[in-house]
Amino acid sequence: MKNRNIICAAVLSALVCFPLLKAQAAPDFALPGFNTTDGDHALFSVTTGIANSAFGYFALFADTDGSWNTGVGAGALDLNNGSQNTAVGVAALLLNTGSFNNAVGVTALELNTTGTFNNALGRAALFNNVDGFQNNAMGDLALTNNTSGTTNTAVGDDALFSVTIGNSNTALGDEAGSNLVDGEGNIYIGAQVQAGATNEPEFIRIGNDTAFAFPYDTFIAGIANRAVDAGANPQVVLVDDTGKLGTVALNAIGNKVASQTILNESRNQQKRIAELEGTVARLAGMVKEQAAQIQKVSAQLEVNKPAPQIVANKP
């Protein structure tokens, strides 16, 4: 499903070509405008940019008027001309021209150009991002294929790995949501929790029973022994055979509002139980009445019973 090998041939060839552009490397020293450099061709092109720090081979090489940038590592922020970016790692934010990005890790945010307010921590995290903004990726290859997606958050190795243009997705766990491509508004929590479809919208998936040999038991505080607010409309929570949760609305006295087979059956059972209870009560009354009649008849028989007669024996 994914290629975990990061292709860096283009990056390396680009870095190799840079020495041909200038005959000699810039010396290591503090430059005007609060700029600091240490490394071959680091901050080589700076003109009006201020407060930049470049440490490593061709770090911040092309920066001219970008300011407040920090590049640490060979090729870090190499072609940058934006401001307030931080890159730590070989080829991190290599092609960047945007601002307010942070990349920590080899090739993190490498292909980013105009994207802004992105944070990447991990090897190749947000590697393919071009103009996506406000994304957060932490973990090896997290959000690595994102190009234009926005406001995604991925925490865990390969989390949201396949997202390209999806928006507002959140994934927490190893490979969480790694098969999602262009869905939006989804939440995936747990190792290997996958999307039901590559473009599903606004799903919440927690835990993955199919990935392990044992099922989960779920405990959520604040539900059991808690009453609904006064005046609220209570609802019945149901789970279908796919594990999806849903509700059926009830009115305040518990009568059914929505048509649902399970609720119909429940009400029918309650009705049958009530009828049986009524029948039992009537039978008990009849038995009691019959017992009283039997007792009354027995008493009358005792009263009307003839007195015993004495017969004298004659000699």
Protein backbone atom coordinates (compact mmCIF):
# COMPACT_ATOMS: atom_id res chain seq x y z
CA MET A 1 0.00 0.00 0.00
CA LYS A 2 2.85 2.33 0.59
CA ASN A 3 6.46 2.78 -0.27
CA ARG A 4 8.48 3.42 2.82
CA ASN A 5 11.63 4.22 0.83
CA ILE A 6 12.10 7.95 0.39
CA ILE A 7 13.43 8.85 -3.05
CA CYS A 8 16.11 11.46 -2.52
CA ALA A 9 17.90 11.24 -5.88
CA ALA A 10 16.48 14.57 -7.05
CA VAL A 11 17.43 16.21 -3.81
CA LEU A 12 20.97 14.89 -3.85
CA SER A 13 21.45 15.83 -7.49
CA ALA A 14 20.26 19.34 -6.73
CA LEU A 15 22.68 19.63 -3.85
CA VAL A 16 25.53 18.32 -5.95
CA CYS A 17 24.85 20.92 -8.63
CA PHE A 18 24.96 23.90 -6.30
CA PRO A 19 28.77 23.99 -5.98
CA LEU A 20 28.92 24.56 -9.72
CA LEU A 21 27.00 27.81 -9.33
CA LYS A 22 29.73 29.51 -7.32
CA ALA A 23 33.44 29.15 -7.62
CA GLN A 24 34.08 29.20 -3.91
CA ALA A 25 32.26 28.64 -0.65
CA ALA A 26 31.35 31.47 1.64
CA PRO A 27 33.52 31.64 4.75
CA ASP A 28 32.06 30.88 8.18
CA PHE A 29 31.35 34.10 10.08
CA ALA A 30 28.68 36.37 11.47
CA LEU A 31 27.10 38.39 8.68
CA PRO A 32 25.51 41.84 8.89
CA GLY A 33 21.88 42.06 9.94
CA PHE A 34 22.22 39.61 12.85
CA ASN A 35 22.75 36.70 10.45
CA THR A 36 24.90 33.74 11.46
CA THR A 37 26.34 31.12 9.18
CA ASP A 38 28.55 28.06 9.43
CA GLY A 39 28.87 25.69 6.48
CA ASP A 40 29.74 25.54 2.82
CA HIS A 41 27.50 28.02 0.92
CA ALA A 42 25.28 28.48 3.95
CA LEU A 43 23.29 31.76 3.67
CA PHE A 44 25.29 32.38 0.54
CA SER A 45 22.78 34.70 -1.16
CA VAL A 46 21.47 36.77 1.74
CA THR A 47 21.00 40.48 1.05
CA THR A 48 18.42 42.29 3.18
CA GLY A 49 17.28 39.33 5.24
CA ILE A 50 17.96 39.62 8.96
CA ALA A 51 18.34 37.35 11.98
CA ASN A 52 18.85 34.16 9.97
CA SER A 53 20.94 31.23 11.21
CA ALA A 54 22.31 28.64 8.82
CA PHE A 55 24.41 25.64 9.85
CA GLY A 56 25.29 23.04 7.24
CA TYR A 57 26.12 22.51 3.61
CA PHE A 58 23.97 24.88 1.49
CA ALA A 59 21.64 25.62 4.42
CA LEU A 60 19.50 28.66 3.51
CA PHE A 61 21.61 28.93 0.34
CA ALA A 62 19.15 30.91 -1.81
CA ASP A 63 17.67 33.12 0.89
CA THR A 64 17.98 36.80 -0.01
CA ASP A 65 15.44 38.85 1.93
CA GLY A 66 13.80 36.20 4.11
CA SER A 67 14.25 36.82 7.82
CA TRP A 68 14.18 35.01 11.17
CA ASN A 69 14.87 31.62 9.62
CA THR A 70 16.91 28.80 11.14
CA GLY A 71 18.31 26.01 9.00
CA VAL A 72 20.37 23.19 10.50
CA GLY A 73 21.55 20.38 8.24
CA ALA A 74 22.74 19.89 4.68
CA GLY A 75 20.27 21.53 2.33
CA ALA A 76 17.98 22.68 5.13
CA LEU A 77 15.84 25.56 3.80
CA ASP A 78 18.10 25.47 0.75
CA LEU A 79 15.86 27.42 -1.66
CA ASN A 80 13.97 29.33 1.00
CA ASN A 81 13.06 32.95 0.65
CA GLY A 82 10.25 33.03 3.21
CA SER A 83 10.44 34.15 6.82
CA GLN A 84 10.16 32.66 10.30
CA ASN A 85 10.83 29.08 9.26
CA THR A 86 12.79 26.47 11.22
CA ALA A 87 14.30 23.40 9.60
CA VAL A 88 16.44 20.80 11.36
CA GLY A 89 17.55 17.84 9.27
CA VAL A 90 19.02 17.04 5.89
CA ALA A 91 16.87 18.59 3.11
CA ALA A 92 14.23 19.70 5.60
CA LEU A 93 12.08 22.42 3.97
CA LEU A 94 14.43 22.20 0.99
CA LEU A 95 12.18 23.98 -1.55
CA ASN A 96 10.35 26.26 0.83
CA THR A 97 9.24 29.76 -0.12
CA GLY A 98 6.45 30.06 2.46
CA SER A 99 6.60 31.27 6.02
CA PHE A 100 5.91 30.11 9.59
CA ASN A 101 6.82 26.45 9.00
CA ASN A 102 8.71 24.11 11.33
CA ALA A 103 10.35 20.89 10.14
CA VAL A 104 12.43 18.51 12.25
CA GLY A 105 13.67 15.35 10.58
CA VAL A 106 15.37 14.18 7.41
CA THR A 107 13.36 15.43 4.37
CA ALA A 108 10.57 16.73 6.59
CA LEU A 109 8.42 19.19 4.58
CA GLU A 110 11.01 18.82 1.82
CA LEU A 111 8.79 19.76 -1.13
CA ASN A 112 6.87 22.51 0.62
CA THR A 113 6.81 25.73 -1.40
CA THR A 114 4.06 28.20 -0.45
CA GLY A 115 2.50 26.25 2.41
CA THR A 116 2.41 28.08 5.74
CA PHE A 117 1.92 27.31 9.44
CA ASN A 118 2.89 23.65 9.03
CA ASN A 119 4.68 21.59 11.67
CA ALA A 120 6.46 18.34 10.82
CA LEU A 121 8.39 16.13 13.23
CA GLY A 122 9.81 12.89 11.87
CA ARG A 123 11.49 11.44 8.80
CA ALA A 124 9.64 12.59 5.67
CA ALA A 125 6.76 13.96 7.71
CA LEU A 126 4.67 16.14 5.36
CA PHE A 127 7.30 15.33 2.72
CA ASN A 128 5.12 16.07 -0.32
CA ASN A 129 3.33 19.10 1.05
CA VAL A 130 3.33 21.90 -1.50
CA ASP A 131 0.80 24.55 -0.54
CA GLY A 132 -1.15 22.95 2.26
CA PHE A 133 -1.28 24.95 5.46
CA GLN A 134 -1.91 24.55 9.18
CA ASN A 135 -1.04 20.84 9.13
CA ASN A 136 0.63 19.03 12.02
CA ALA A 137 2.48 15.76 11.54
CA MET A 138 4.48 13.87 14.15
CA GLY A 139 5.93 10.48 13.29
CA ASP A 140 7.86 8.68 10.59
CA LEU A 141 6.08 9.32 7.24
CA ALA A 142 3.16 11.02 8.97
CA LEU A 143 1.08 12.90 6.37
CA THR A 144 3.92 12.25 3.96
CA ASN A 145 1.74 12.38 0.82
CA ASN A 146 -0.21 15.48 1.70
CA THR A 147 0.10 18.11 -1.03
CA SER A 148 -2.67 20.67 -0.57
CA GLY A 149 -4.65 19.42 2.40
CA THR A 150 -5.26 21.80 5.29
CA THR A 151 -5.71 21.61 9.04
CA ASN A 152 -4.84 17.91 9.29
CA THR A 153 -3.27 16.45 12.44
CA ALA A 154 -1.41 13.14 12.35
CA VAL A 155 0.42 11.60 15.32
CA GLY A 156 2.06 8.21 14.80
CA ASP A 157 4.16 6.42 12.21
CA ASP A 158 2.35 6.47 8.84
CA ALA A 159 -0.62 8.28 10.36
CA LEU A 160 -2.75 9.76 7.53
CA PHE A 161 -0.06 8.43 5.20
CA SER A 162 -2.16 8.56 2.00
CA VAL A 163 -3.97 11.86 2.50
CA THR A 164 -3.30 14.19 -0.41
CA ILE A 165 -5.93 16.94 -0.39
CA GLY A 166 -8.09 15.90 2.56
CA ASN A 167 -8.94 18.53 5.17
CA SER A 168 -9.50 18.71 8.92
CA ASN A 169 -8.68 15.05 9.60
CA THR A 170 -7.22 13.85 12.90
CA ALA A 171 -5.36 10.56 13.40
CA LEU A 172 -3.68 9.24 16.54
CA GLY A 173 -1.83 5.92 16.45
CA ASP A 174 0.46 3.82 14.28
CA GLU A 175 -0.99 3.78 10.73
CA ALA A 176 -4.16 5.46 11.96
CA GLY A 177 -6.22 6.57 8.98
CA SER A 178 -3.37 5.61 6.65
CA ASN A 179 -5.72 4.61 3.79
CA LEU A 180 -7.67 7.87 3.74
CA VAL A 181 -6.98 10.01 0.64
CA ASP A 182 -9.33 12.95 0.25
CA GLY A 183 -11.86 12.62 3.05
CA GLU A 184 -12.43 15.41 5.50
CA GLY A 185 -13.50 15.97 9.09
CA ASN A 186 -12.61 12.41 10.18
CA ILE A 187 -11.17 11.21 13.50
CA TYR A 188 -9.20 7.96 13.82
CA ILE A 189 -7.88 6.85 17.20
CA GLY A 190 -5.90 3.66 17.75
CA ALA A 191 -3.24 1.60 16.03
CA GLN A 192 -4.22 0.55 12.48
CA VAL A 193 -7.66 2.12 12.67
CA GLN A 194 -8.57 2.50 9.00
CA ALA A 195 -11.10 4.52 7.03
CA GLY A 196 -14.10 2.67 5.65
CA ALA A 197 -13.58 4.45 2.31
CA THR A 198 -10.73 6.54 0.97
CA ASN A 199 -12.99 9.59 0.73
CA GLU A 200 -15.29 9.13 3.71
CA PRO A 201 -16.48 12.36 5.38
CA GLU A 202 -16.95 13.12 9.09
CA PHE A 203 -16.52 9.65 10.58
CA ILE A 204 -15.23 8.88 14.06
CA ARG A 205 -13.50 5.51 14.41
CA ILE A 206 -11.96 4.40 17.71
CA GLY A 207 -10.17 1.06 18.07
CA ASN A 208 -9.78 -1.76 15.57
CA ASP A 209 -11.14 -5.16 16.60
CA THR A 210 -10.14 -6.79 13.33
CA ALA A 211 -6.43 -6.06 13.76
CA PHE A 212 -5.97 -8.12 16.90
CA ALA A 213 -6.84 -11.58 18.21
CA PHE A 214 -8.93 -10.20 21.04
CA PRO A 215 -11.98 -7.88 21.12
CA TYR A 216 -12.03 -4.59 22.97
CA ASP A 217 -14.10 -3.82 26.03
CA THR A 218 -15.17 -0.17 26.19
CA PHE A 219 -15.39 1.91 29.33
CA ILE A 220 -16.44 5.56 29.13
CA ALA A 221 -16.90 7.61 32.28
CA GLY A 222 -19.83 9.94 32.77
CA ILE A 223 -22.49 7.78 31.08
CA ALA A 224 -23.69 5.10 33.49
CA ASN A 225 -26.00 6.28 36.30
CA ARG A 226 -26.31 9.75 34.79
CA ALA A 227 -29.69 11.33 34.14
CA VAL A 228 -30.50 13.50 31.14
CA ASP A 229 -31.23 17.16 31.73
CA ALA A 230 -34.74 18.06 32.82
CA GLY A 231 -36.90 18.84 29.82
CA ALA A 232 -34.49 17.19 27.38
CA ASN A 233 -35.70 14.70 24.82
CA PRO A 234 -34.20 11.29 25.73
CA GLN A 235 -32.82 9.04 23.01
CA VAL A 236 -32.06 5.35 22.75
CA VAL A 237 -28.50 4.48 21.62
CA LEU A 238 -28.23 1.51 19.28
CA VAL A 239 -25.33 -0.33 17.62
CA ASP A 240 -25.74 -1.95 14.21
CA ASP A 241 -23.91 -5.06 12.98
CA THR A 242 -21.07 -2.94 11.56
CA GLY A 243 -20.34 -1.38 14.95
CA LYS A 244 -21.84 1.98 14.02
CA LEU A 245 -23.58 3.90 16.80
CA GLY A 246 -26.88 5.68 16.27
CA THR A 247 -29.79 7.11 18.24
CA VAL A 248 -33.58 6.92 18.09
CA ALA A 249 -35.46 9.88 19.56
CA LEU A 250 -38.00 9.40 22.37
CA ASN A 251 -40.31 11.98 23.89
CA ALA A 252 -40.18 12.91 27.56
CA ILE A 253 -42.48 10.08 28.72
CA GLY A 254 -40.67 7.44 26.73
CA ASN A 255 -43.19 6.90 23.94
CA LYS A 256 -41.75 6.04 20.56
CA VAL A 257 -41.36 8.88 18.09
CA ALA A 258 -39.13 7.32 15.45
CA SER A 259 -40.17 4.08 13.80
CA GLN A 260 -37.73 1.35 14.71
CA THR A 261 -38.24 -2.41 14.64
CA ILE A 262 -36.51 -3.00 17.93
CA LEU A 263 -38.62 -0.38 19.68
CA ASN A 264 -41.83 -1.80 18.18
CA GLU A 265 -40.92 -5.23 19.45
CA SER A 266 -40.04 -3.86 22.87
CA ARG A 267 -43.38 -2.08 23.17
CA ASN A 268 -45.26 -5.18 22.00
CA GLN A 269 -43.49 -7.26 24.61
CA GLN A 270 -44.35 -4.75 27.30
CA LYS A 271 -47.99 -4.81 26.18
CA ARG A 272 -48.06 -8.61 26.27
CA ILE A 273 -46.50 -8.62 29.72
CA ALA A 274 -49.11 -6.15 30.96
CA GLU A 275 -51.92 -8.31 29.51
CA LEU A 276 -50.49 -11.43 31.14
CA GLU A 277 -50.20 -9.65 34.46
CA GLY A 278 -53.85 -8.58 34.16
CA THR A 279 -54.94 -12.12 33.32
CA VAL A 280 -53.02 -13.54 36.28
CA ALA A 281 -54.63 -10.96 38.57
CA ARG A 282 -58.12 -11.86 37.33
CA LEU A 283 -57.45 -15.59 37.72
CA ALA A 284 -56.15 -15.03 41.22
CA GLY A 285 -59.35 -13.13 42.05
CA MET A 286 -61.50 -15.92 40.65
CA VAL A 287 -59.60 -18.56 42.58
CA LYS A 288 -60.00 -16.54 45.75
CA GLU A 289 -63.72 -16.12 45.14
CA GLN A 290 -64.17 -19.82 44.41
CA ALA A 291 -62.30 -20.73 47.59
CA ALA A 292 -64.65 -18.49 49.58
CA GLN A 293 -67.71 -20.14 47.99
CA ILE A 294 -66.38 -23.61 48.74
CA GLN A 295 -65.77 -22.65 52.35
CA LYS A 296 -69.31 -21.24 52.64
CA VAL A 297 -70.90 -24.39 51.18
CA SER A 298 -68.86 -26.57 53.50
CA ALA A 299 -70.11 -24.61 56.51
CA GLN A 300 -73.75 -24.96 55.42
CA LEU A 301 -73.34 -28.69 54.99
CA GLU A 302 -72.06 -28.99 58.52
CA VAL A 303 -75.12 -27.09 59.89
CA ASN A 304 -77.69 -29.15 57.95
CA LYS A 305 -76.11 -32.48 58.78
CA PRO A 306 -78.73 -34.73 60.71
CA ALA A 307 -78.03 -35.58 64.37
CA PRO A 308 -76.92 -39.18 65.02
CA GLN A 309 -79.72 -41.59 66.29
CA ILE A 310 -79.38 -44.19 69.13
CA VAL A 311 -80.98 -47.60 68.63
CA ALA A 312 -81.76 -49.71 71.75
CA ASN A 313 -81.09 -53.42 71.63
CA LYS A 314 -84.12 -55.62 72.61
CA PRO A 315 -83.57 -58.83 74.60
